[in-house]
Amino acid sequence: MDTSNWWKGLAFGAFSSMVADCLTLPIDVTKTRLQISGAGGTKLYDGIFDCVGKTARNEGVAALWKGLEPALWRQCFYGGLRYGLYGPIKEKLAPGVPKKDLPLSLKILAGGLSGTVSQGLANPCDVVKVRMMAPPGKSGGTNYRWFLQALIQIGKTEGVGGLYKGVTANVSRAASLAAAEMSVYDQVKTKLLHEYEWEEGLGMHAFSATCSGFAAAFASCTLLLSFSLNFLTQHHTHIHTYIYVRTQVRSMCANHVSCLNLWIQLPDKVQCIEVLQIV
């Protein structure tokens, strides 16, 4: 992660994020459709493989890449700015301090701020992406074909607020992810270079990235629950989210679900409500 030039971080972050999205988009489409399935009382899919099979048979294999255009625009903004802004924000927070002496707390703050700004700008892309990924007839009766057309249409019919549906939860999750991912990667890499004298190379970057990935996953599960408490009081036409989550917690407790499994499962259910708010 080269943070010496902001434009390098912007370009490398955007490019790598866009390539990753091209490869993983079928998983994202499947996840989104499974989250939407059941809204309004009609369950569309019985599981991952059923969702993939029905989507490919009914709409063609290309449907597994629905929403690719807004997804790439989203990664161009979010992926690029998240990396591109991290270095300059660190410099502003601690001007003149050597990288190896920068405290972890400032790295966490810099990562959180870069994630907040980047997701704030990318939220309209998220709204369009989710609606384009939705099964036919599940996106407010409108089928969007192109990113710009969808962006203009949502803006005209729903106003600017329509492009920022779910922004509170999206920014919260993005900030926690970026804060953990960027800071842990930076901290681990710095320790390996200066204290353990590892050589710069693929091994060091792979190890640092693995550590940051685990940290980001942990932070997103934990912080999403706390950040979502305010978000969950919002009302949605499909379901009242606070009542839904409260019911889910009671159900899991009644079925003797452990605290660990509760912590793992509930963010998934909360994210399902975020998707329903956007659709």
C-alpha atoms as a PDB file:
ATOM      1  CA  MET A   1       0.000   0.000   0.000  1.00  0.00           C
ATOM      2  CA  ASP A   2       1.834   3.058  -1.276  1.00  0.00           C
ATOM      3  CA  THR A   3       0.590   6.096   0.619  1.00  0.00           C
ATOM      4  CA  SER A   4       3.407   8.440  -0.450  1.00  0.00           C
ATOM      5  CA  ASN A   5       1.307   9.793  -3.355  1.00  0.00           C
ATOM      6  CA  TRP A   6      -2.454  10.123  -2.988  1.00  0.00           C
ATOM      7  CA  TRP A   7      -3.049   9.625  -6.697  1.00  0.00           C
ATOM      8  CA  LYS A   8      -1.210   6.287  -6.644  1.00  0.00           C
ATOM      9  CA  GLY A   9      -3.417   5.085  -3.819  1.00  0.00           C
ATOM     10  CA  LEU A  10      -6.460   6.355  -5.708  1.00  0.00           C
ATOM     11  CA  ALA A  11      -5.505   4.628  -8.964  1.00  0.00           C
ATOM     12  CA  PHE A  12      -4.223   1.355  -7.479  1.00  0.00           C
ATOM     13  CA  GLY A  13      -7.108   1.121  -5.003  1.00  0.00           C
ATOM     14  CA  ALA A  14      -9.724   1.753  -7.687  1.00  0.00           C
ATOM     15  CA  PHE A  15      -8.177  -0.684 -10.167  1.00  0.00           C
ATOM     16  CA  SER A  16      -7.694  -3.553  -7.705  1.00  0.00           C
ATOM     17  CA  SER A  17     -11.194  -3.075  -6.231  1.00  0.00           C
ATOM     18  CA  MET A  18     -12.792  -3.048  -9.685  1.00  0.00           C
ATOM     19  CA  VAL A  19     -10.978  -6.236 -10.718  1.00  0.00           C
ATOM     20  CA  ALA A  20     -12.054  -7.932  -7.482  1.00  0.00           C
ATOM     21  CA  ASP A  21     -15.693  -6.914  -8.048  1.00  0.00           C
ATOM     22  CA  CYS A  22     -15.663  -8.335 -11.580  1.00  0.00           C
ATOM     23  CA  LEU A  23     -14.614 -11.710 -10.158  1.00  0.00           C
ATOM     24  CA  THR A  24     -16.921 -11.776  -7.134  1.00  0.00           C
ATOM     25  CA  LEU A  25     -20.063 -10.062  -8.470  1.00  0.00           C
ATOM     26  CA  PRO A  26     -22.059 -13.332  -8.934  1.00  0.00           C
ATOM     27  CA  ILE A  27     -21.650 -13.908  -5.179  1.00  0.00           C
ATOM     28  CA  ASP A  28     -22.877 -10.369  -4.478  1.00  0.00           C
ATOM     29  CA  VAL A  29     -25.881 -10.814  -6.804  1.00  0.00           C
ATOM     30  CA  THR A  30     -26.775 -14.116  -5.116  1.00  0.00           C
ATOM     31  CA  LYS A  31     -26.420 -12.595  -1.641  1.00  0.00           C
ATOM     32  CA  THR A  32     -28.600  -9.598  -2.543  1.00  0.00           C
ATOM     33  CA  ARG A  33     -31.338 -11.754  -4.067  1.00  0.00           C
ATOM     34  CA  LEU A  34     -31.390 -14.097  -1.098  1.00  0.00           C
ATOM     35  CA  GLN A  35     -31.757 -11.087   1.213  1.00  0.00           C
ATOM     36  CA  ILE A  36     -34.660  -9.742  -0.849  1.00  0.00           C
ATOM     37  CA  SER A  37     -36.285 -13.183  -1.174  1.00  0.00           C
ATOM     38  CA  GLY A  38     -39.263 -13.432   1.156  1.00  0.00           C
ATOM     39  CA  ALA A  39     -40.029  -9.709   1.268  1.00  0.00           C
ATOM     40  CA  GLY A  40     -43.780  -9.303   0.841  1.00  0.00           C
ATOM     41  CA  GLY A  41     -44.434 -12.903   1.910  1.00  0.00           C
ATOM     42  CA  THR A  42     -43.169 -14.681  -1.222  1.00  0.00           C
ATOM     43  CA  LYS A  43     -39.999 -16.734  -0.876  1.00  0.00           C
ATOM     44  CA  LEU A  44     -38.225 -16.870  -4.225  1.00  0.00           C
ATOM     45  CA  TYR A  45     -35.240 -19.106  -3.480  1.00  0.00           C
ATOM     46  CA  ASP A  46     -34.467 -22.055  -1.205  1.00  0.00           C
ATOM     47  CA  GLY A  47     -30.745 -21.413  -0.921  1.00  0.00           C
ATOM     48  CA  ILE A  48     -27.556 -20.329  -2.658  1.00  0.00           C
ATOM     49  CA  PHE A  49     -27.487 -22.980  -5.366  1.00  0.00           C
ATOM     50  CA  ASP A  50     -31.222 -22.676  -6.028  1.00  0.00           C
ATOM     51  CA  CYS A  51     -30.801 -18.912  -6.430  1.00  0.00           C
ATOM     52  CA  VAL A  52     -27.864 -19.284  -8.831  1.00  0.00           C
ATOM     53  CA  GLY A  53     -29.661 -21.967 -10.854  1.00  0.00           C
ATOM     54  CA  LYS A  54     -32.970 -20.109 -11.156  1.00  0.00           C
ATOM     55  CA  THR A  55     -31.241 -16.846 -12.032  1.00  0.00           C
ATOM     56  CA  ALA A  56     -29.163 -18.486 -14.785  1.00  0.00           C
ATOM     57  CA  ARG A  57     -32.119 -20.480 -16.198  1.00  0.00           C
ATOM     58  CA  ASN A  58     -34.689 -17.698 -16.143  1.00  0.00           C
ATOM     59  CA  GLU A  59     -32.546 -14.689 -17.034  1.00  0.00           C
ATOM     60  CA  GLY A  60     -29.387 -16.137 -18.548  1.00  0.00           C
ATOM     61  CA  VAL A  61     -25.911 -16.574 -17.070  1.00  0.00           C
ATOM     62  CA  ALA A  62     -25.191 -12.883 -17.685  1.00  0.00           C
ATOM     63  CA  ALA A  63     -27.792 -12.047 -14.995  1.00  0.00           C
ATOM     64  CA  LEU A  64     -25.247 -13.178 -12.384  1.00  0.00           C
ATOM     65  CA  TRP A  65     -23.302 -10.052 -13.351  1.00  0.00           C
ATOM     66  CA  LYS A  66     -26.298  -7.698 -13.104  1.00  0.00           C
ATOM     67  CA  GLY A  67     -25.319  -4.398 -11.577  1.00  0.00           C
ATOM     68  CA  LEU A  68     -21.728  -4.639 -12.832  1.00  0.00           C
ATOM     69  CA  GLU A  69     -21.695  -1.053 -14.120  1.00  0.00           C
ATOM     70  CA  PRO A  70     -22.785   0.608 -10.822  1.00  0.00           C
ATOM     71  CA  ALA A  71     -20.585  -1.860  -8.916  1.00  0.00           C
ATOM     72  CA  LEU A  72     -17.541  -0.691 -10.879  1.00  0.00           C
ATOM     73  CA  TRP A  73     -18.461   2.960 -10.377  1.00  0.00           C
ATOM     74  CA  ARG A  74     -18.917   2.246  -6.679  1.00  0.00           C
ATOM     75  CA  GLN A  75     -15.475   0.673  -6.414  1.00  0.00           C
ATOM     76  CA  CYS A  76     -13.972   3.515  -8.448  1.00  0.00           C
ATOM     77  CA  PHE A  77     -15.155   5.958  -5.767  1.00  0.00           C
ATOM     78  CA  TYR A  78     -15.108   3.839  -2.612  1.00  0.00           C
ATOM     79  CA  GLY A  79     -12.123   1.605  -3.367  1.00  0.00           C
ATOM     80  CA  GLY A  80     -10.066   4.412  -4.856  1.00  0.00           C
ATOM     81  CA  LEU A  81     -10.786   7.106  -2.277  1.00  0.00           C
ATOM     82  CA  ARG A  82     -10.467   4.717   0.674  1.00  0.00           C
ATOM     83  CA  TYR A  83      -6.834   4.065  -0.246  1.00  0.00           C
ATOM     84  CA  GLY A  84      -6.104   7.423  -1.830  1.00  0.00           C
ATOM     85  CA  LEU A  85      -7.249   9.495   1.159  1.00  0.00           C
ATOM     86  CA  TYR A  86      -5.676   7.323   3.858  1.00  0.00           C
ATOM     87  CA  GLY A  87      -2.123   8.646   3.428  1.00  0.00           C
ATOM     88  CA  PRO A  88      -2.993  12.366   3.203  1.00  0.00           C
ATOM     89  CA  ILE A  89      -5.308  12.089   6.226  1.00  0.00           C
ATOM     90  CA  LYS A  90      -2.485  10.490   8.230  1.00  0.00           C
ATOM     91  CA  GLU A  91      -0.198  13.344   7.247  1.00  0.00           C
ATOM     92  CA  LYS A  92      -2.768  15.934   8.341  1.00  0.00           C
ATOM     93  CA  LEU A  93      -3.334  14.194  11.679  1.00  0.00           C
ATOM     94  CA  ALA A  94       0.366  13.884  12.492  1.00  0.00           C
ATOM     95  CA  PRO A  95       2.461  16.141  10.237  1.00  0.00           C
ATOM     96  CA  GLY A  96       6.145  15.283  10.147  1.00  0.00           C
ATOM     97  CA  VAL A  97       5.838  12.121  12.271  1.00  0.00           C
ATOM     98  CA  PRO A  98       7.720   9.144  10.727  1.00  0.00           C
ATOM     99  CA  LYS A  99       5.519   6.249   9.614  1.00  0.00           C
ATOM    100  CA  LYS A 100       7.085   3.822  12.057  1.00  0.00           C
ATOM    101  CA  ASP A 101       6.350   6.156  15.004  1.00  0.00           C
ATOM    102  CA  LEU A 102       2.709   6.886  14.146  1.00  0.00           C
ATOM    103  CA  PRO A 103       0.401   5.498  16.876  1.00  0.00           C
ATOM    104  CA  LEU A 104      -2.181   2.881  15.961  1.00  0.00           C
ATOM    105  CA  SER A 105      -5.026   5.109  17.190  1.00  0.00           C
ATOM    106  CA  LEU A 106      -4.275   7.734  14.525  1.00  0.00           C
ATOM    107  CA  LYS A 107      -4.123   5.045  11.842  1.00  0.00           C
ATOM    108  CA  ILE A 108      -7.543   3.784  12.945  1.00  0.00           C
ATOM    109  CA  LEU A 109      -8.909   7.347  12.819  1.00  0.00           C
ATOM    110  CA  ALA A 110      -7.403   7.953   9.362  1.00  0.00           C
ATOM    111  CA  GLY A 111      -8.886   4.700   8.056  1.00  0.00           C
ATOM    112  CA  GLY A 112     -12.288   5.482   9.523  1.00  0.00           C
ATOM    113  CA  LEU A 113     -12.341   8.971   8.003  1.00  0.00           C
ATOM    114  CA  SER A 114     -11.274   7.715   4.570  1.00  0.00           C
ATOM    115  CA  GLY A 115     -13.983   5.025   4.703  1.00  0.00           C
ATOM    116  CA  THR A 116     -16.633   7.539   5.769  1.00  0.00           C
ATOM    117  CA  VAL A 117     -15.878  10.028   2.995  1.00  0.00           C
ATOM    118  CA  SER A 118     -15.546   7.391   0.282  1.00  0.00           C
ATOM    119  CA  GLN A 119     -18.776   5.564   1.170  1.00  0.00           C
ATOM    120  CA  GLY A 120     -20.653   8.856   1.511  1.00  0.00           C
ATOM    121  CA  LEU A 121     -19.771   9.655  -2.083  1.00  0.00           C
ATOM    122  CA  ALA A 122     -20.382   6.098  -3.308  1.00  0.00           C
ATOM    123  CA  ASN A 123     -23.814   5.538  -1.705  1.00  0.00           C
ATOM    124  CA  PRO A 124     -25.828   6.446  -4.841  1.00  0.00           C
ATOM    125  CA  CYS A 125     -23.859   3.758  -6.692  1.00  0.00           C
ATOM    126  CA  ASP A 126     -24.830   1.260  -3.965  1.00  0.00           C
ATOM    127  CA  VAL A 127     -28.515   2.140  -4.306  1.00  0.00           C
ATOM    128  CA  VAL A 128     -28.459   1.646  -8.088  1.00  0.00           C
ATOM    129  CA  LYS A 129     -26.405  -1.554  -7.759  1.00  0.00           C
ATOM    130  CA  VAL A 130     -28.834  -3.210  -5.329  1.00  0.00           C
ATOM    131  CA  ARG A 131     -31.855  -2.263  -7.436  1.00  0.00           C
ATOM    132  CA  MET A 132     -30.276  -3.599 -10.618  1.00  0.00           C
ATOM    133  CA  MET A 133     -29.346  -6.848  -8.843  1.00  0.00           C
ATOM    134  CA  ALA A 134     -32.885  -7.345  -7.507  1.00  0.00           C
ATOM    135  CA  PRO A 135     -35.058 -10.103  -9.039  1.00  0.00           C
ATOM    136  CA  PRO A 136     -37.547  -8.970 -11.722  1.00  0.00           C
ATOM    137  CA  GLY A 137     -40.471  -7.136 -10.172  1.00  0.00           C
ATOM    138  CA  LYS A 138     -38.724  -6.621  -6.827  1.00  0.00           C
ATOM    139  CA  SER A 139     -37.281  -3.181  -7.538  1.00  0.00           C
ATOM    140  CA  GLY A 140     -40.367  -1.031  -7.161  1.00  0.00           C
ATOM    141  CA  GLY A 141     -41.724  -2.243 -10.489  1.00  0.00           C
ATOM    142  CA  THR A 142     -38.875  -0.598 -12.407  1.00  0.00           C
ATOM    143  CA  ASN A 143     -36.233  -2.438 -14.394  1.00  0.00           C
ATOM    144  CA  TYR A 144     -33.043  -0.428 -14.762  1.00  0.00           C
ATOM    145  CA  ARG A 145     -30.694  -1.213 -17.642  1.00  0.00           C
ATOM    146  CA  TRP A 146     -27.940   1.377 -17.316  1.00  0.00           C
ATOM    147  CA  PHE A 147     -26.298   3.104 -14.389  1.00  0.00           C
ATOM    148  CA  LEU A 148     -26.752   6.703 -15.559  1.00  0.00           C
ATOM    149  CA  GLN A 149     -30.377   6.110 -16.587  1.00  0.00           C
ATOM    150  CA  ALA A 150     -31.137   4.589 -13.171  1.00  0.00           C
ATOM    151  CA  LEU A 151     -29.326   7.392 -11.338  1.00  0.00           C
ATOM    152  CA  ILE A 152     -31.329  10.089 -13.156  1.00  0.00           C
ATOM    153  CA  GLN A 153     -34.630   8.235 -12.822  1.00  0.00           C
ATOM    154  CA  ILE A 154     -34.256   7.655  -9.064  1.00  0.00           C
ATOM    155  CA  GLY A 155     -33.234  11.290  -8.596  1.00  0.00           C
ATOM    156  CA  LYS A 156     -36.310  12.513 -10.516  1.00  0.00           C
ATOM    157  CA  THR A 157     -38.866  10.225  -8.876  1.00  0.00           C
ATOM    158  CA  GLU A 158     -37.509  10.031  -5.315  1.00  0.00           C
ATOM    159  CA  GLY A 159     -35.299  13.087  -5.033  1.00  0.00           C
ATOM    160  CA  VAL A 160     -31.747  13.203  -3.717  1.00  0.00           C
ATOM    161  CA  GLY A 161     -32.890  11.326  -0.600  1.00  0.00           C
ATOM    162  CA  GLY A 162     -33.676   8.310  -2.755  1.00  0.00           C
ATOM    163  CA  LEU A 163     -30.009   8.070  -3.738  1.00  0.00           C
ATOM    164  CA  TYR A 164     -28.978   8.086  -0.088  1.00  0.00           C
ATOM    165  CA  LYS A 165     -31.284   5.409   1.280  1.00  0.00           C
ATOM    166  CA  GLY A 166     -29.461   3.279   3.844  1.00  0.00           C
ATOM    167  CA  VAL A 167     -26.568   5.746   3.987  1.00  0.00           C
ATOM    168  CA  THR A 168     -26.324   5.699   7.800  1.00  0.00           C
ATOM    169  CA  ALA A 169     -25.761   1.962   8.031  1.00  0.00           C
ATOM    170  CA  ASN A 170     -23.641   1.859   4.864  1.00  0.00           C
ATOM    171  CA  VAL A 171     -21.282   4.578   6.094  1.00  0.00           C
ATOM    172  CA  SER A 172     -21.111   2.992   9.550  1.00  0.00           C
ATOM    173  CA  ARG A 173     -20.089  -0.348   8.110  1.00  0.00           C
ATOM    174  CA  ALA A 174     -17.654   1.199   5.616  1.00  0.00           C
ATOM    175  CA  ALA A 175     -16.002   3.312   8.303  1.00  0.00           C
ATOM    176  CA  SER A 176     -15.501   0.345  10.633  1.00  0.00           C
ATOM    177  CA  LEU A 177     -14.192  -1.814   7.799  1.00  0.00           C
ATOM    178  CA  ALA A 178     -11.749   0.805   6.554  1.00  0.00           C
ATOM    179  CA  ALA A 179     -10.601   1.726  10.067  1.00  0.00           C
ATOM    180  CA  ALA A 180      -9.739  -1.903  10.847  1.00  0.00           C
ATOM    181  CA  GLU A 181      -8.444  -2.917   7.428  1.00  0.00           C
ATOM    182  CA  MET A 182      -6.225   0.062   6.677  1.00  0.00           C
ATOM    183  CA  SER A 183      -4.793   0.513  10.179  1.00  0.00           C
ATOM    184  CA  VAL A 184      -4.045  -3.177  10.820  1.00  0.00           C
ATOM    185  CA  TYR A 185      -2.408  -3.617   7.419  1.00  0.00           C
ATOM    186  CA  ASP A 186      -0.295  -0.507   7.995  1.00  0.00           C
ATOM    187  CA  GLN A 187       0.601  -1.472  11.570  1.00  0.00           C
ATOM    188  CA  VAL A 188       1.498  -5.098  10.794  1.00  0.00           C
ATOM    189  CA  LYS A 189       3.575  -4.119   7.772  1.00  0.00           C
ATOM    190  CA  THR A 190       5.446  -1.464   9.773  1.00  0.00           C
ATOM    191  CA  LYS A 191       6.180  -3.941  12.595  1.00  0.00           C
ATOM    192  CA  LEU A 192       7.402  -6.592  10.185  1.00  0.00           C
ATOM    193  CA  LEU A 193       9.686  -4.131   8.388  1.00  0.00           C
ATOM    194  CA  HIS A 194      11.214  -2.288  11.333  1.00  0.00           C
ATOM    195  CA  GLU A 195      11.060  -4.714  14.261  1.00  0.00           C
ATOM    196  CA  TYR A 196      11.247  -8.158  12.661  1.00  0.00           C
ATOM    197  CA  GLU A 197      13.306  -7.059   9.638  1.00  0.00           C
ATOM    198  CA  TRP A 198      11.206  -8.798   7.027  1.00  0.00           C
ATOM    199  CA  GLU A 199      12.073  -8.003   3.439  1.00  0.00           C
ATOM    200  CA  GLU A 200       9.613  -6.078   1.300  1.00  0.00           C
ATOM    201  CA  GLY A 201       7.862  -8.609  -0.921  1.00  0.00           C
ATOM    202  CA  LEU A 202       4.846 -10.768  -1.615  1.00  0.00           C
ATOM    203  CA  GLY A 203       5.114 -12.742   1.630  1.00  0.00           C
ATOM    204  CA  MET A 204       5.048  -9.660   3.823  1.00  0.00           C
ATOM    205  CA  HIS A 205       2.152  -8.085   1.931  1.00  0.00           C
ATOM    206  CA  ALA A 206       0.165 -11.341   1.958  1.00  0.00           C
ATOM    207  CA  PHE A 207       0.622 -11.774   5.711  1.00  0.00           C
ATOM    208  CA  SER A 208      -0.304  -8.139   6.405  1.00  0.00           C
ATOM    209  CA  ALA A 209      -3.362  -8.388   4.164  1.00  0.00           C
ATOM    210  CA  THR A 210      -4.499 -11.603   5.882  1.00  0.00           C
ATOM    211  CA  CYS A 211      -4.277  -9.950   9.301  1.00  0.00           C
ATOM    212  CA  SER A 212      -6.163  -6.886   8.076  1.00  0.00           C
ATOM    213  CA  GLY A 213      -8.863  -9.080   6.523  1.00  0.00           C
ATOM    214  CA  PHE A 214      -9.527 -10.864   9.819  1.00  0.00           C
ATOM    215  CA  ALA A 215      -9.576  -7.542  11.671  1.00  0.00           C
ATOM    216  CA  ALA A 216     -11.989  -6.003   9.160  1.00  0.00           C
ATOM    217  CA  ALA A 217     -14.365  -8.980   9.392  1.00  0.00           C
ATOM    218  CA  PHE A 218     -14.337  -8.830  13.200  1.00  0.00           C
ATOM    219  CA  ALA A 219     -14.854  -5.064  13.298  1.00  0.00           C
ATOM    220  CA  SER A 220     -17.683  -5.083  10.767  1.00  0.00           C
ATOM    221  CA  CYS A 221     -19.614  -7.720  12.727  1.00  0.00           C
ATOM    222  CA  THR A 222     -19.107  -6.013  16.073  1.00  0.00           C
ATOM    223  CA  LEU A 223     -19.508  -2.363  15.137  1.00  0.00           C
ATOM    224  CA  LEU A 224     -22.385  -2.968  12.730  1.00  0.00           C
ATOM    225  CA  LEU A 225     -24.519  -4.058  15.683  1.00  0.00           C
ATOM    226  CA  SER A 226     -23.811  -0.961  17.766  1.00  0.00           C
ATOM    227  CA  PHE A 227     -23.945   1.517  14.888  1.00  0.00           C
ATOM    228  CA  SER A 228     -27.212  -0.010  13.679  1.00  0.00           C
ATOM    229  CA  LEU A 229     -29.141   0.713  16.901  1.00  0.00           C
ATOM    230  CA  ASN A 230     -30.107   4.184  15.643  1.00  0.00           C
ATOM    231  CA  PHE A 231     -30.626   2.962  12.093  1.00  0.00           C
ATOM    232  CA  LEU A 232     -32.957   0.182  13.215  1.00  0.00           C
ATOM    233  CA  THR A 233     -35.588   2.629  14.501  1.00  0.00           C
ATOM    234  CA  GLN A 234     -36.304   3.758  10.922  1.00  0.00           C
ATOM    235  CA  HIS A 235     -39.512   2.481   9.343  1.00  0.00           C
ATOM    236  CA  HIS A 236     -39.655   0.605   6.043  1.00  0.00           C
ATOM    237  CA  THR A 237     -42.715  -0.332   4.023  1.00  0.00           C
ATOM    238  CA  HIS A 238     -41.808  -4.027   4.152  1.00  0.00           C
ATOM    239  CA  ILE A 239     -41.181  -4.337   7.888  1.00  0.00           C
ATOM    240  CA  HIS A 240     -40.357  -2.336  10.996  1.00  0.00           C
ATOM    241  CA  THR A 241     -36.671  -3.079  11.390  1.00  0.00           C
ATOM    242  CA  TYR A 242     -36.428  -2.661  15.157  1.00  0.00           C
ATOM    243  CA  ILE A 243     -39.263  -5.151  15.737  1.00  0.00           C
ATOM    244  CA  TYR A 244     -37.744  -7.521  13.182  1.00  0.00           C
ATOM    245  CA  VAL A 245     -34.318  -7.577  14.817  1.00  0.00           C
ATOM    246  CA  ARG A 246     -35.805  -7.815  18.320  1.00  0.00           C
ATOM    247  CA  THR A 247     -37.838 -10.820  17.154  1.00  0.00           C
ATOM    248  CA  GLN A 248     -34.737 -12.416  15.631  1.00  0.00           C
ATOM    249  CA  VAL A 249     -32.749 -11.979  18.846  1.00  0.00           C
ATOM    250  CA  ARG A 250     -35.552 -13.486  20.945  1.00  0.00           C
ATOM    251  CA  SER A 251     -35.918 -16.379  18.508  1.00  0.00           C
ATOM    252  CA  MET A 252     -32.189 -17.144  18.561  1.00  0.00           C
ATOM    253  CA  CYS A 253     -32.108 -16.936  22.356  1.00  0.00           C
ATOM    254  CA  ALA A 254     -35.135 -19.241  22.631  1.00  0.00           C
ATOM    255  CA  ASN A 255     -33.323 -21.753  20.418  1.00  0.00           C
ATOM    256  CA  HIS A 256     -30.280 -21.563  22.720  1.00  0.00           C
ATOM    257  CA  VAL A 257     -28.052 -19.910  20.125  1.00  0.00           C
ATOM    258  CA  SER A 258     -24.701 -19.085  21.716  1.00  0.00           C
ATOM    259  CA  CYS A 259     -23.503 -15.498  22.140  1.00  0.00           C
ATOM    260  CA  LEU A 260     -20.828 -16.139  19.498  1.00  0.00           C
ATOM    261  CA  ASN A 261     -23.347 -17.372  16.940  1.00  0.00           C
ATOM    262  CA  LEU A 262     -25.674 -14.498  17.835  1.00  0.00           C
ATOM    263  CA  TRP A 263     -22.834 -12.051  17.122  1.00  0.00           C
ATOM    264  CA  ILE A 264     -22.097 -13.822  13.816  1.00  0.00           C
ATOM    265  CA  GLN A 265     -25.689 -14.183  12.571  1.00  0.00           C
ATOM    266  CA  LEU A 266     -27.362 -10.920  13.546  1.00  0.00           C
ATOM    267  CA  PRO A 267     -25.305  -8.551  11.321  1.00  0.00           C
ATOM    268  CA  ASP A 268     -26.407 -10.664   8.346  1.00  0.00           C
ATOM    269  CA  LYS A 269     -30.032 -10.125   9.312  1.00  0.00           C
ATOM    270  CA  VAL A 270     -29.440  -6.399   9.822  1.00  0.00           C
ATOM    271  CA  GLN A 271     -27.790  -6.157   6.396  1.00  0.00           C
ATOM    272  CA  CYS A 272     -30.852  -7.827   4.905  1.00  0.00           C
ATOM    273  CA  ILE A 273     -32.960  -4.940   6.237  1.00  0.00           C
ATOM    274  CA  GLU A 274     -30.505  -2.423   4.754  1.00  0.00           C
ATOM    275  CA  VAL A 275     -30.998  -4.016   1.331  1.00  0.00           C
ATOM    276  CA  LEU A 276     -34.796  -3.940   1.743  1.00  0.00           C
ATOM    277  CA  GLN A 277     -34.629  -0.218   2.569  1.00  0.00           C
ATOM    278  CA  ILE A 278     -32.842   0.449  -0.711  1.00  0.00           C
ATOM    279  CA  VAL A 279     -35.012  -1.696  -3.000  1.00  0.00           C
END
